[in-house]
PDB file of all heavy atoms in Angstrom:
ATOM      1  N   ASP A   1       0.843  -1.193   0.000  1.00  0.00           N
ATOM      2  CA  ASP A   1       0.000   0.000   0.000  1.00  0.00           C
ATOM      3  C   ASP A   1       0.882   1.249   0.000  1.00  0.00           C
ATOM      4  O   ASP A   1       1.811   1.369   0.794  1.00  0.00           O
ATOM      5  CB  ASP A   1      -0.896   0.001   1.237  1.00  0.00           C
ATOM      6  CG  ASP A   1      -1.986   1.054   1.141  1.00  0.00           C
ATOM      7  OD1 ASP A   1      -2.102   1.686   0.080  1.00  0.00           O
ATOM      8  OD2 ASP A   1      -2.715   1.226   2.138  1.00  0.00           O
ATOM      9  N   GLY A   2       0.608   2.145  -0.919  1.00  0.00           N
ATOM     10  CA  GLY A   2       1.407   3.363  -1.033  1.00  0.00           C
ATOM     11  C   GLY A   2       2.386   3.333  -2.183  1.00  0.00           C
ATOM     12  O   GLY A   2       2.801   4.380  -2.671  1.00  0.00           O
ATOM     13  N   ASP A   3       2.771   2.119  -2.647  1.00  0.00           N
ATOM     14  CA  ASP A   3       3.644   2.029  -3.811  1.00  0.00           C
ATOM     15  C   ASP A   3       2.845   2.348  -5.073  1.00  0.00           C
ATOM     16  O   ASP A   3       1.661   2.044  -5.162  1.00  0.00           O
ATOM     17  CB  ASP A   3       4.232   0.619  -3.940  1.00  0.00           C
ATOM     18  CG  ASP A   3       5.198   0.297  -2.804  1.00  0.00           C
ATOM     19  OD1 ASP A   3       5.598   1.250  -2.110  1.00  0.00           O
ATOM     20  OD2 ASP A   3       5.526  -0.875  -2.628  1.00  0.00           O
ATOM     21  N   VAL A   4       3.499   2.928  -6.046  1.00  0.00           N
ATOM     22  CA  VAL A   4       2.800   3.272  -7.290  1.00  0.00           C
ATOM     23  C   VAL A   4       3.083   2.266  -8.391  1.00  0.00           C
ATOM     24  O   VAL A   4       2.341   2.165  -9.361  1.00  0.00           O
ATOM     25  CB  VAL A   4       3.191   4.687  -7.781  1.00  0.00           C
ATOM     26  CG1 VAL A   4       2.726   5.715  -6.771  1.00  0.00           C
ATOM     27  CG2 VAL A   4       4.706   4.806  -7.977  1.00  0.00           C
ATOM     28  N   ASP A   5       4.153   1.516  -8.274  1.00  0.00           N
ATOM     29  CA  ASP A   5       4.523   0.557  -9.305  1.00  0.00           C
ATOM     30  C   ASP A   5       3.697  -0.708  -9.137  1.00  0.00           C
ATOM     31  O   ASP A   5       3.676  -1.306  -8.068  1.00  0.00           O
ATOM     32  CB  ASP A   5       6.020   0.233  -9.197  1.00  0.00           C
ATOM     33  CG  ASP A   5       6.470  -0.746 -10.273  1.00  0.00           C
ATOM     34  OD1 ASP A   5       5.746  -0.920 -11.265  1.00  0.00           O
ATOM     35  OD2 ASP A   5       7.554  -1.322 -10.103  1.00  0.00           O
ATOM     36  N   THR A   6       3.000  -1.128 -10.180  1.00  0.00           N
ATOM     37  CA  THR A   6       2.197  -2.350 -10.106  1.00  0.00           C
ATOM     38  C   THR A   6       2.946  -3.570 -10.622  1.00  0.00           C
ATOM     39  O   THR A   6       2.378  -4.648 -10.732  1.00  0.00           O
ATOM     40  CB  THR A   6       0.888  -2.185 -10.908  1.00  0.00           C
ATOM     41  OG1 THR A   6       1.205  -1.896 -12.265  1.00  0.00           O
ATOM     42  CG2 THR A   6       0.033  -1.082 -10.326  1.00  0.00           C
ATOM     43  N   ALA A   7       4.227  -3.415 -10.965  1.00  0.00           N
ATOM     44  CA  ALA A   7       5.029  -4.563 -11.378  1.00  0.00           C
ATOM     45  C   ALA A   7       5.527  -5.288 -10.135  1.00  0.00           C
ATOM     46  O   ALA A   7       5.561  -4.736  -9.045  1.00  0.00           O
ATOM     47  CB  ALA A   7       6.225  -4.095 -12.216  1.00  0.00           C
ATOM     48  N   PRO A   8       5.915  -6.560 -10.247  1.00  0.00           N
ATOM     49  CA  PRO A   8       6.464  -7.268  -9.102  1.00  0.00           C
ATOM     50  C   PRO A   8       7.592  -6.478  -8.456  1.00  0.00           C
ATOM     51  O   PRO A   8       8.506  -6.005  -9.127  1.00  0.00           O
ATOM     52  CB  PRO A   8       6.973  -8.589  -9.709  1.00  0.00           C
ATOM     53  CG  PRO A   8       6.099  -8.797 -10.898  1.00  0.00           C
ATOM     54  CD  PRO A   8       5.829  -7.415 -11.440  1.00  0.00           C
ATOM     55  N   ALA A   9       7.553  -6.353  -7.134  1.00  0.00           N
ATOM     56  CA  ALA A   9       8.453  -5.442  -6.446  1.00  0.00           C
ATOM     57  C   ALA A   9       9.793  -6.048  -6.114  1.00  0.00           C
ATOM     58  O   ALA A   9      10.783  -5.340  -6.016  1.00  0.00           O
ATOM     59  CB  ALA A   9       7.778  -4.940  -5.162  1.00  0.00           C
ATOM     60  N   ALA A  10       9.841  -7.350  -5.876  1.00  0.00           N
ATOM     61  CA  ALA A  10      11.111  -7.932  -5.437  1.00  0.00           C
ATOM     62  C   ALA A  10      11.123  -9.424  -5.694  1.00  0.00           C
ATOM     63  O   ALA A  10      10.094 -10.080  -5.757  1.00  0.00           O
ATOM     64  CB  ALA A  10      11.324  -7.664  -3.948  1.00  0.00           C
ATOM     65  N   ASP A  11      12.343  -9.963  -5.811  1.00  0.00           N
ATOM     66  CA  ASP A  11      12.550 -11.400  -5.941  1.00  0.00           C
ATOM     67  C   ASP A  11      11.733 -12.022  -7.057  1.00  0.00           C
ATOM     68  O   ASP A  11      11.193 -13.116  -6.935  1.00  0.00           O
ATOM     69  CB  ASP A  11      12.225 -12.111  -4.618  1.00  0.00           C
ATOM     70  CG  ASP A  11      13.315 -13.127  -4.288  1.00  0.00           C
ATOM     71  OD1 ASP A  11      14.031 -13.528  -5.219  1.00  0.00           O
ATOM     72  OD2 ASP A  11      13.459 -13.480  -3.123  1.00  0.00           O
ATOM     73  N   GLY A  12      11.648 -11.302  -8.163  1.00  0.00           N
ATOM     74  CA  GLY A  12      10.954 -11.854  -9.314  1.00  0.00           C
ATOM     75  C   GLY A  12      11.653 -13.074  -9.873  1.00  0.00           C
ATOM     76  O   GLY A  12      11.037 -13.892 -10.552  1.00  0.00           O
ATOM     77  N   SER A  13      12.956 -13.213  -9.597  1.00  0.00           N
ATOM     78  CA  SER A  13      13.700 -14.359 -10.115  1.00  0.00           C
ATOM     79  C   SER A  13      13.165 -15.655  -9.525  1.00  0.00           C
ATOM     80  O   SER A  13      13.006 -16.656 -10.243  1.00  0.00           O
ATOM     81  CB  SER A  13      15.182 -14.209  -9.801  1.00  0.00           C
ATOM     82  OG  SER A  13      15.394 -14.095  -8.396  1.00  0.00           O
ATOM     83  N   PHE A  14      12.871 -15.661  -8.211  1.00  0.00           N
ATOM     84  CA  PHE A  14      12.331 -16.862  -7.587  1.00  0.00           C
ATOM     85  C   PHE A  14      10.937 -17.168  -8.124  1.00  0.00           C
ATOM     86  O   PHE A  14      10.634 -18.294  -8.498  1.00  0.00           O
ATOM     87  CB  PHE A  14      12.290 -16.693  -6.066  1.00  0.00           C
ATOM     88  CG  PHE A  14      11.556 -17.800  -5.359  1.00  0.00           C
ATOM     89  CD1 PHE A  14      11.960 -19.119  -5.493  1.00  0.00           C
ATOM     90  CD2 PHE A  14      10.459 -17.524  -4.563  1.00  0.00           C
ATOM     91  CE1 PHE A  14      11.281 -20.144  -4.849  1.00  0.00           C
ATOM     92  CE2 PHE A  14       9.780 -18.539  -3.916  1.00  0.00           C
ATOM     93  CZ  PHE A  14      10.188 -19.853  -4.053  1.00  0.00           C
ATOM     94  N   ALA A  15      10.078 -16.156  -8.190  1.00  0.00           N
ATOM     95  CA  ALA A  15       8.720 -16.348  -8.699  1.00  0.00           C
ATOM     96  C   ALA A  15       8.750 -16.815 -10.151  1.00  0.00           C
ATOM     97  O   ALA A  15       8.006 -17.716 -10.549  1.00  0.00           O
ATOM     98  CB  ALA A  15       7.920 -15.060  -8.573  1.00  0.00           C
ATOM     99  N   GLY A  16       9.621 -16.207 -10.954  1.00  0.00           N
ATOM    100  CA  GLY A  16       9.726 -16.589 -12.357  1.00  0.00           C
ATOM    101  C   GLY A  16      10.246 -18.007 -12.527  1.00  0.00           C
ATOM    102  O   GLY A  16       9.755 -18.773 -13.364  1.00  0.00           O
ATOM    103  N   ALA A  17      11.255 -18.374 -11.719  1.00  0.00           N
ATOM    104  CA  ALA A  17      11.798 -19.729 -11.791  1.00  0.00           C
ATOM    105  C   ALA A  17      10.751 -20.755 -11.390  1.00  0.00           C
ATOM    106  O   ALA A  17      10.639 -21.820 -12.013  1.00  0.00           O
ATOM    107  CB  ALA A  17      13.029 -19.845 -10.889  1.00  0.00           C
ATOM    108  N   PHE A  18       9.977 -20.426 -10.367  1.00  0.00           N
ATOM    109  CA  PHE A  18       8.935 -21.353  -9.918  1.00  0.00           C
ATOM    110  C   PHE A  18       7.876 -21.538 -11.004  1.00  0.00           C
ATOM    111  O   PHE A  18       7.462 -22.659 -11.306  1.00  0.00           O
ATOM    112  CB  PHE A  18       8.289 -20.821  -8.635  1.00  0.00           C
ATOM    113  CG  PHE A  18       7.520 -21.870  -7.886  1.00  0.00           C
ATOM    114  CD1 PHE A  18       8.110 -22.554  -6.841  1.00  0.00           C
ATOM    115  CD2 PHE A  18       6.222 -22.182  -8.230  1.00  0.00           C
ATOM    116  CE1 PHE A  18       7.414 -23.540  -6.150  1.00  0.00           C
ATOM    117  CE2 PHE A  18       5.518 -23.162  -7.556  1.00  0.00           C
ATOM    118  CZ  PHE A  18       6.114 -23.840  -6.511  1.00  0.00           C
ATOM    119  N   ARG A  19       7.461 -20.437 -11.609  1.00  0.00           N
ATOM    120  CA  ARG A  19       6.463 -20.506 -12.678  1.00  0.00           C
ATOM    121  C   ARG A  19       6.981 -21.340 -13.850  1.00  0.00           C
ATOM    122  O   ARG A  19       6.276 -22.197 -14.386  1.00  0.00           O
ATOM    123  CB  ARG A  19       6.116 -19.100 -13.146  1.00  0.00           C
ATOM    124  CG  ARG A  19       5.081 -19.054 -14.275  1.00  0.00           C
ATOM    125  CD  ARG A  19       4.856 -17.635 -14.762  1.00  0.00           C
ATOM    126  NE  ARG A  19       6.076 -17.040 -15.293  1.00  0.00           N
ATOM    127  CZ  ARG A  19       6.731 -16.044 -14.701  1.00  0.00           C
ATOM    128  NH1 ARG A  19       6.303 -15.512 -13.587  1.00  0.00           N
ATOM    129  NH2 ARG A  19       7.836 -15.550 -15.255  1.00  0.00           N
ATOM    130  N   ASP A  20       8.237 -21.108 -14.254  1.00  0.00           N
ATOM    131  CA  ASP A  20       8.794 -21.836 -15.394  1.00  0.00           C
ATOM    132  C   ASP A  20       8.959 -23.323 -15.085  1.00  0.00           C
ATOM    133  O   ASP A  20       8.682 -24.178 -15.949  1.00  0.00           O
ATOM    134  CB  ASP A  20      10.152 -21.238 -15.789  1.00  0.00           C
ATOM    135  CG  ASP A  20      10.012 -19.841 -16.366  1.00  0.00           C
ATOM    136  OD1 ASP A  20       8.883 -19.456 -16.732  1.00  0.00           O
ATOM    137  OD2 ASP A  20      11.024 -19.115 -16.433  1.00  0.00           O
ATOM    138  N   ALA A  21       9.412 -23.644 -13.868  1.00  0.00           N
ATOM    139  CA  ALA A  21       9.607 -25.050 -13.512  1.00  0.00           C
ATOM    140  C   ALA A  21       8.284 -25.809 -13.535  1.00  0.00           C
ATOM    141  O   ALA A  21       8.210 -26.950 -14.008  1.00  0.00           O
ATOM    142  CB  ALA A  21      10.256 -25.161 -12.128  1.00  0.00           C
ATOM    143  N   ALA A  22       7.227 -25.159 -13.043  1.00  0.00           N
ATOM    144  CA  ALA A  22       5.910 -25.804 -13.056  1.00  0.00           C
ATOM    145  C   ALA A  22       5.427 -26.014 -14.486  1.00  0.00           C
ATOM    146  O   ALA A  22       4.953 -27.097 -14.855  1.00  0.00           O
ATOM    147  CB  ALA A  22       4.912 -24.956 -12.267  1.00  0.00           C
ATOM    148  N   TYR A  23       5.541 -24.983 -15.308  1.00  0.00           N
ATOM    149  CA  TYR A  23       5.065 -25.061 -16.697  1.00  0.00           C
ATOM    150  C   TYR A  23       5.844 -26.112 -17.491  1.00  0.00           C
ATOM    151  O   TYR A  23       5.255 -26.915 -18.228  1.00  0.00           O
ATOM    152  CB  TYR A  23       5.195 -23.697 -17.359  1.00  0.00           C
ATOM    153  CG  TYR A  23       4.812 -23.692 -18.823  1.00  0.00           C
ATOM    154  CD1 TYR A  23       3.477 -23.685 -19.210  1.00  0.00           C
ATOM    155  CD2 TYR A  23       5.787 -23.706 -19.816  1.00  0.00           C
ATOM    156  CE1 TYR A  23       3.118 -23.699 -20.555  1.00  0.00           C
ATOM    157  CE2 TYR A  23       5.445 -23.711 -21.155  1.00  0.00           C
ATOM    158  CZ  TYR A  23       4.112 -23.706 -21.517  1.00  0.00           C
ATOM    159  OH  TYR A  23       3.764 -23.725 -22.844  1.00  0.00           O
ATOM    160  N   LEU A  24       7.155 -26.126 -17.342  1.00  0.00           N
ATOM    161  CA  LEU A  24       7.981 -27.052 -18.118  1.00  0.00           C
ATOM    162  C   LEU A  24       7.797 -28.497 -17.658  1.00  0.00           C
ATOM    163  O   LEU A  24       7.878 -29.434 -18.467  1.00  0.00           O
ATOM    164  CB  LEU A  24       9.445 -26.638 -18.025  1.00  0.00           C
ATOM    165  CG  LEU A  24       9.788 -25.300 -18.687  1.00  0.00           C
ATOM    166  CD1 LEU A  24      11.180 -24.827 -18.280  1.00  0.00           C
ATOM    167  CD2 LEU A  24       9.688 -25.401 -20.203  1.00  0.00           C
ATOM    168  N   SER A  25       7.561 -28.692 -16.361  1.00  0.00           N
ATOM    169  CA  SER A  25       7.311 -30.049 -15.862  1.00  0.00           C
ATOM    170  C   SER A  25       6.035 -30.610 -16.465  1.00  0.00           C
ATOM    171  O   SER A  25       5.985 -31.770 -16.883  1.00  0.00           O
ATOM    172  CB  SER A  25       7.211 -30.039 -14.334  1.00  0.00           C
ATOM    173  OG  SER A  25       8.438 -29.687 -13.734  1.00  0.00           O
ATOM    174  N   VAL A  26       4.993 -29.800 -16.537  1.00  0.00           N
ATOM    175  CA  VAL A  26       3.733 -30.244 -17.131  1.00  0.00           C
ATOM    176  C   VAL A  26       3.897 -30.495 -18.625  1.00  0.00           C
ATOM    177  O   VAL A  26       3.236 -31.364 -19.198  1.00  0.00           O
ATOM    178  CB  VAL A  26       2.628 -29.201 -16.878  1.00  0.00           C
ATOM    179  CG1 VAL A  26       1.349 -29.563 -17.625  1.00  0.00           C
ATOM    180  CG2 VAL A  26       2.332 -29.111 -15.394  1.00  0.00           C
ATOM    181  N   GLY A  27       4.803 -29.758 -19.261  1.00  0.00           N
ATOM    182  CA  GLY A  27       5.046 -29.956 -20.682  1.00  0.00           C
ATOM    183  C   GLY A  27       5.467 -31.371 -21.017  1.00  0.00           C
ATOM    184  O   GLY A  27       5.231 -31.849 -22.139  1.00  0.00           O
ATOM    185  N   ARG A  28       6.078 -32.068 -20.062  1.00  0.00           N
ATOM    186  CA  ARG A  28       6.474 -33.455 -20.302  1.00  0.00           C
ATOM    187  C   ARG A  28       5.268 -34.348 -20.569  1.00  0.00           C
ATOM    188  O   ARG A  28       5.345 -35.314 -21.327  1.00  0.00           O
ATOM    189  CB  ARG A  28       7.244 -33.992 -19.094  1.00  0.00           C
ATOM    190  CG  ARG A  28       8.630 -33.378 -18.908  1.00  0.00           C
ATOM    191  CD  ARG A  28       9.257 -33.876 -17.616  1.00  0.00           C
ATOM    192  NE  ARG A  28      10.682 -33.552 -17.523  1.00  0.00           N
ATOM    193  CZ  ARG A  28      11.454 -33.861 -16.485  1.00  0.00           C
ATOM    194  NH1 ARG A  28      10.918 -34.508 -15.451  1.00  0.00           N
ATOM    195  NH2 ARG A  28      12.736 -33.537 -16.478  1.00  0.00           N
ATOM    196  N   PHE A  29       4.133 -34.046 -19.939  1.00  0.00           N
ATOM    197  CA  PHE A  29       2.924 -34.849 -20.135  1.00  0.00           C
ATOM    198  C   PHE A  29       2.383 -34.698 -21.550  1.00  0.00           C
ATOM    199  O   PHE A  29       1.673 -35.566 -22.038  1.00  0.00           O
ATOM    200  CB  PHE A  29       1.833 -34.424 -19.140  1.00  0.00           C
ATOM    201  CG  PHE A  29       2.104 -34.824 -17.721  1.00  0.00           C
ATOM    202  CD1 PHE A  29       2.856 -34.025 -16.886  1.00  0.00           C
ATOM    203  CD2 PHE A  29       1.596 -36.007 -17.218  1.00  0.00           C
ATOM    204  CE1 PHE A  29       3.097 -34.380 -15.576  1.00  0.00           C
ATOM    205  CE2 PHE A  29       1.834 -36.382 -15.905  1.00  0.00           C
ATOM    206  CZ  PHE A  29       2.591 -35.576 -15.075  1.00  0.00           C
ATOM    207  N   ARG A  30       2.696 -33.564 -22.190  1.00  0.00           N
ATOM    208  CA  ARG A  30       2.119 -33.283 -23.501  1.00  0.00           C
ATOM    209  C   ARG A  30       2.962 -33.802 -24.658  1.00  0.00           C
ATOM    210  O   ARG A  30       2.621 -33.583 -25.819  1.00  0.00           O
ATOM    211  CB  ARG A  30       1.913 -31.772 -23.665  1.00  0.00           C
ATOM    212  CG  ARG A  30       0.897 -31.191 -22.692  1.00  0.00           C
ATOM    213  CD  ARG A  30       0.509 -29.772 -23.084  1.00  0.00           C
ATOM    214  NE  ARG A  30       1.631 -28.855 -22.968  1.00  0.00           N
ATOM    215  CZ  ARG A  30       1.869 -28.112 -21.888  1.00  0.00           C
ATOM    216  NH1 ARG A  30       1.061 -28.191 -20.840  1.00  0.00           N
ATOM    217  NH2 ARG A  30       2.906 -27.290 -21.844  1.00  0.00           N
ATOM    218  N   CYS A  31       4.060 -34.469 -24.367  1.00  0.00           N
ATOM    219  CA  CYS A  31       4.902 -35.000 -25.443  1.00  0.00           C
ATOM    220  C   CYS A  31       4.104 -35.986 -26.304  1.00  0.00           C
ATOM    221  O   CYS A  31       3.495 -36.932 -25.779  1.00  0.00           O
ATOM    222  CB  CYS A  31       6.128 -35.712 -24.867  1.00  0.00           C
ATOM    223  SG  CYS A  31       7.430 -34.599 -24.301  1.00  0.00           S
ATOM    224  N   ALA A  32       4.111 -35.772 -27.607  1.00  0.00           N
ATOM    225  CA  ALA A  32       3.399 -36.684 -28.508  1.00  0.00           C
ATOM    226  C   ALA A  32       3.991 -38.088 -28.434  1.00  0.00           C
ATOM    227  O   ALA A  32       3.274 -39.083 -28.550  1.00  0.00           O
ATOM    228  CB  ALA A  32       3.455 -36.149 -29.942  1.00  0.00           C
ATOM    229  N   VAL A  33       5.308 -38.170 -28.253  1.00  0.00           N
ATOM    230  CA  VAL A  33       5.990 -39.458 -28.121  1.00  0.00           C
ATOM    231  C   VAL A  33       6.386 -39.633 -26.661  1.00  0.00           C
ATOM    232  O   VAL A  33       7.249 -38.907 -26.157  1.00  0.00           O
ATOM    233  CB  VAL A  33       7.240 -39.525 -29.014  1.00  0.00           C
ATOM    234  CG1 VAL A  33       7.926 -40.875 -28.848  1.00  0.00           C
ATOM    235  CG2 VAL A  33       6.862 -39.292 -30.470  1.00  0.00           C
ATOM    236  N   PRO A  34       5.749 -40.545 -25.918  1.00  0.00           N
ATOM    237  CA  PRO A  34       6.077 -40.728 -24.505  1.00  0.00           C
ATOM    238  C   PRO A  34       7.561 -41.017 -24.297  1.00  0.00           C
ATOM    239  O   PRO A  34       8.161 -41.823 -25.004  1.00  0.00           O
ATOM    240  CB  PRO A  34       5.216 -41.940 -24.099  1.00  0.00           C
ATOM    241  CG  PRO A  34       4.099 -41.967 -25.086  1.00  0.00           C
ATOM    242  CD  PRO A  34       4.688 -41.458 -26.375  1.00  0.00           C
ATOM    243  N   GLY A  35       8.151 -40.337 -23.345  1.00  0.00           N
ATOM    244  CA  GLY A  35       9.548 -40.577 -23.016  1.00  0.00           C
ATOM    245  C   GLY A  35      10.550 -39.772 -23.821  1.00  0.00           C
ATOM    246  O   GLY A  35      11.756 -39.834 -23.546  1.00  0.00           O
ATOM    247  N   PHE A  36      10.073 -38.999 -24.814  1.00  0.00           N
ATOM    248  CA  PHE A  36      11.021 -38.227 -25.627  1.00  0.00           C
ATOM    249  C   PHE A  36      11.747 -37.178 -24.791  1.00  0.00           C
ATOM    250  O   PHE A  36      12.887 -36.818 -25.083  1.00  0.00           O
ATOM    251  CB  PHE A  36      10.295 -37.564 -26.800  1.00  0.00           C
ATOM    252  CG  PHE A  36      11.209 -36.798 -27.716  1.00  0.00           C
ATOM    253  CD1 PHE A  36      12.192 -37.457 -28.438  1.00  0.00           C
ATOM    254  CD2 PHE A  36      11.095 -35.423 -27.850  1.00  0.00           C
ATOM    255  CE1 PHE A  36      13.043 -36.761 -29.281  1.00  0.00           C
ATOM    256  CE2 PHE A  36      11.952 -34.714 -28.689  1.00  0.00           C
ATOM    257  CZ  PHE A  36      12.921 -35.385 -29.417  1.00  0.00           C
ATOM    258  N   TRP A  37      11.094 -36.718 -23.716  1.00  0.00           N
ATOM    259  CA  TRP A  37      11.730 -35.716 -22.857  1.00  0.00           C
ATOM    260  C   TRP A  37      13.013 -36.257 -22.224  1.00  0.00           C
ATOM    261  O   TRP A  37      13.929 -35.481 -21.898  1.00  0.00           O
ATOM    262  CB  TRP A  37      10.751 -35.259 -21.768  1.00  0.00           C
ATOM    263  CG  TRP A  37      10.319 -36.330 -20.804  1.00  0.00           C
ATOM    264  CD1 TRP A  37       9.262 -37.165 -20.928  1.00  0.00           C
ATOM    265  CD2 TRP A  37      10.949 -36.688 -19.568  1.00  0.00           C
ATOM    266  NE1 TRP A  37       9.169 -38.024 -19.862  1.00  0.00           N
ATOM    267  CE2 TRP A  37      10.203 -37.747 -19.004  1.00  0.00           C
ATOM    268  CE3 TRP A  37      12.069 -36.227 -18.884  1.00  0.00           C
ATOM    269  CZ2 TRP A  37      10.535 -38.343 -17.784  1.00  0.00           C
ATOM    270  CZ3 TRP A  37      12.410 -36.817 -17.666  1.00  0.00           C
ATOM    271  CH2 TRP A  37      11.647 -37.860 -17.135  1.00  0.00           C
ATOM    272  N   LYS A  38      13.090 -37.585 -22.048  1.00  0.00           N
ATOM    273  CA  LYS A  38      14.294 -38.168 -21.439  1.00  0.00           C
ATOM    274  C   LYS A  38      15.513 -37.981 -22.347  1.00  0.00           C
ATOM    275  O   LYS A  38      16.635 -37.793 -21.860  1.00  0.00           O
ATOM    276  CB  LYS A  38      14.068 -39.652 -21.154  1.00  0.00           C
ATOM    277  CG  LYS A  38      12.990 -39.921 -20.105  1.00  0.00           C
ATOM    278  CD  LYS A  38      12.820 -41.403 -19.861  1.00  0.00           C
ATOM    279  CE  LYS A  38      11.725 -41.669 -18.825  1.00  0.00           C
ATOM    280  NZ  LYS A  38      11.532 -43.119 -18.578  1.00  0.00           N
ATOM    281  N   ILE A  39      15.293 -38.042 -23.659  1.00  0.00           N
ATOM    282  CA  ILE A  39      16.400 -37.815 -24.597  1.00  0.00           C
ATOM    283  C   ILE A  39      16.861 -36.365 -24.505  1.00  0.00           C
ATOM    284  O   ILE A  39      18.058 -36.072 -24.453  1.00  0.00           O
ATOM    285  CB  ILE A  39      15.966 -38.176 -26.029  1.00  0.00           C
ATOM    286  CG1 ILE A  39      15.623 -39.657 -26.124  1.00  0.00           C
ATOM    287  CG2 ILE A  39      17.051 -37.796 -27.040  1.00  0.00           C
ATOM    288  CD1 ILE A  39      15.080 -40.075 -27.471  1.00  0.00           C
ATOM    289  N   LYS A  40      15.911 -35.434 -24.473  1.00  0.00           N
ATOM    290  CA  LYS A  40      16.259 -34.021 -24.354  1.00  0.00           C
ATOM    291  C   LYS A  40      16.965 -33.744 -23.035  1.00  0.00           C
ATOM    292  O   LYS A  40      17.891 -32.930 -22.966  1.00  0.00           O
ATOM    293  CB  LYS A  40      14.996 -33.166 -24.469  1.00  0.00           C
ATOM    294  CG  LYS A  40      14.340 -33.232 -25.841  1.00  0.00           C
ATOM    295  CD  LYS A  40      12.975 -32.591 -25.843  1.00  0.00           C
ATOM    296  CE  LYS A  40      13.043 -31.093 -25.594  1.00  0.00           C
ATOM    297  NZ  LYS A  40      11.696 -30.477 -25.644  1.00  0.00           N
ATOM    298  N   LYS A  41      16.551 -34.436 -21.977  1.00  0.00           N
ATOM    299  CA  LYS A  41      17.206 -34.255 -20.678  1.00  0.00           C
ATOM    300  C   LYS A  41      18.643 -34.764 -20.728  1.00  0.00           C
ATOM    301  O   LYS A  41      19.570 -34.110 -20.210  1.00  0.00           O
ATOM    302  CB  LYS A  41      16.419 -34.985 -19.590  1.00  0.00           C
ATOM    303  CG  LYS A  41      17.045 -34.858 -18.205  1.00  0.00           C
ATOM    304  CD  LYS A  41      16.244 -35.615 -17.157  1.00  0.00           C
ATOM    305  CE  LYS A  41      16.945 -35.530 -15.802  1.00  0.00           C
ATOM    306  NZ  LYS A  41      16.204 -36.259 -14.742  1.00  0.00           N
ATOM    307  N   ALA A  42      18.836 -35.931 -21.331  1.00  0.00           N
ATOM    308  CA  ALA A  42      20.193 -36.489 -21.428  1.00  0.00           C
ATOM    309  C   ALA A  42      21.113 -35.576 -22.232  1.00  0.00           C
ATOM    310  O   ALA A  42      22.300 -35.442 -21.923  1.00  0.00           O
ATOM    311  CB  ALA A  42      20.141 -37.882 -22.048  1.00  0.00           C
ATOM    312  N   LEU A  43      20.542 -34.934 -23.267  1.00  0.00           N
ATOM    313  CA  LEU A  43      21.341 -34.021 -24.099  1.00  0.00           C
ATOM    314  C   LEU A  43      21.402 -32.607 -23.516  1.00  0.00           C
ATOM    315  O   LEU A  43      22.157 -31.771 -24.020  1.00  0.00           O
ATOM    316  CB  LEU A  43      20.744 -33.965 -25.511  1.00  0.00           C
ATOM    317  CG  LEU A  43      20.762 -35.278 -26.298  1.00  0.00           C
ATOM    318  CD1 LEU A  43      20.004 -35.111 -27.613  1.00  0.00           C
ATOM    319  CD2 LEU A  43      22.196 -35.727 -26.563  1.00  0.00           C
TER     320      LEU A  43
END
């Protein structure tokens, strides 16, 4: 309250990393070929 900036104020790196980790983990479920993510992980 009292701040004028409506953008994230601090530690956006942690929030951003958490958001990306959640999104990318779910992306594994959407692989057309099951298990293909394991090859990308190995590489």
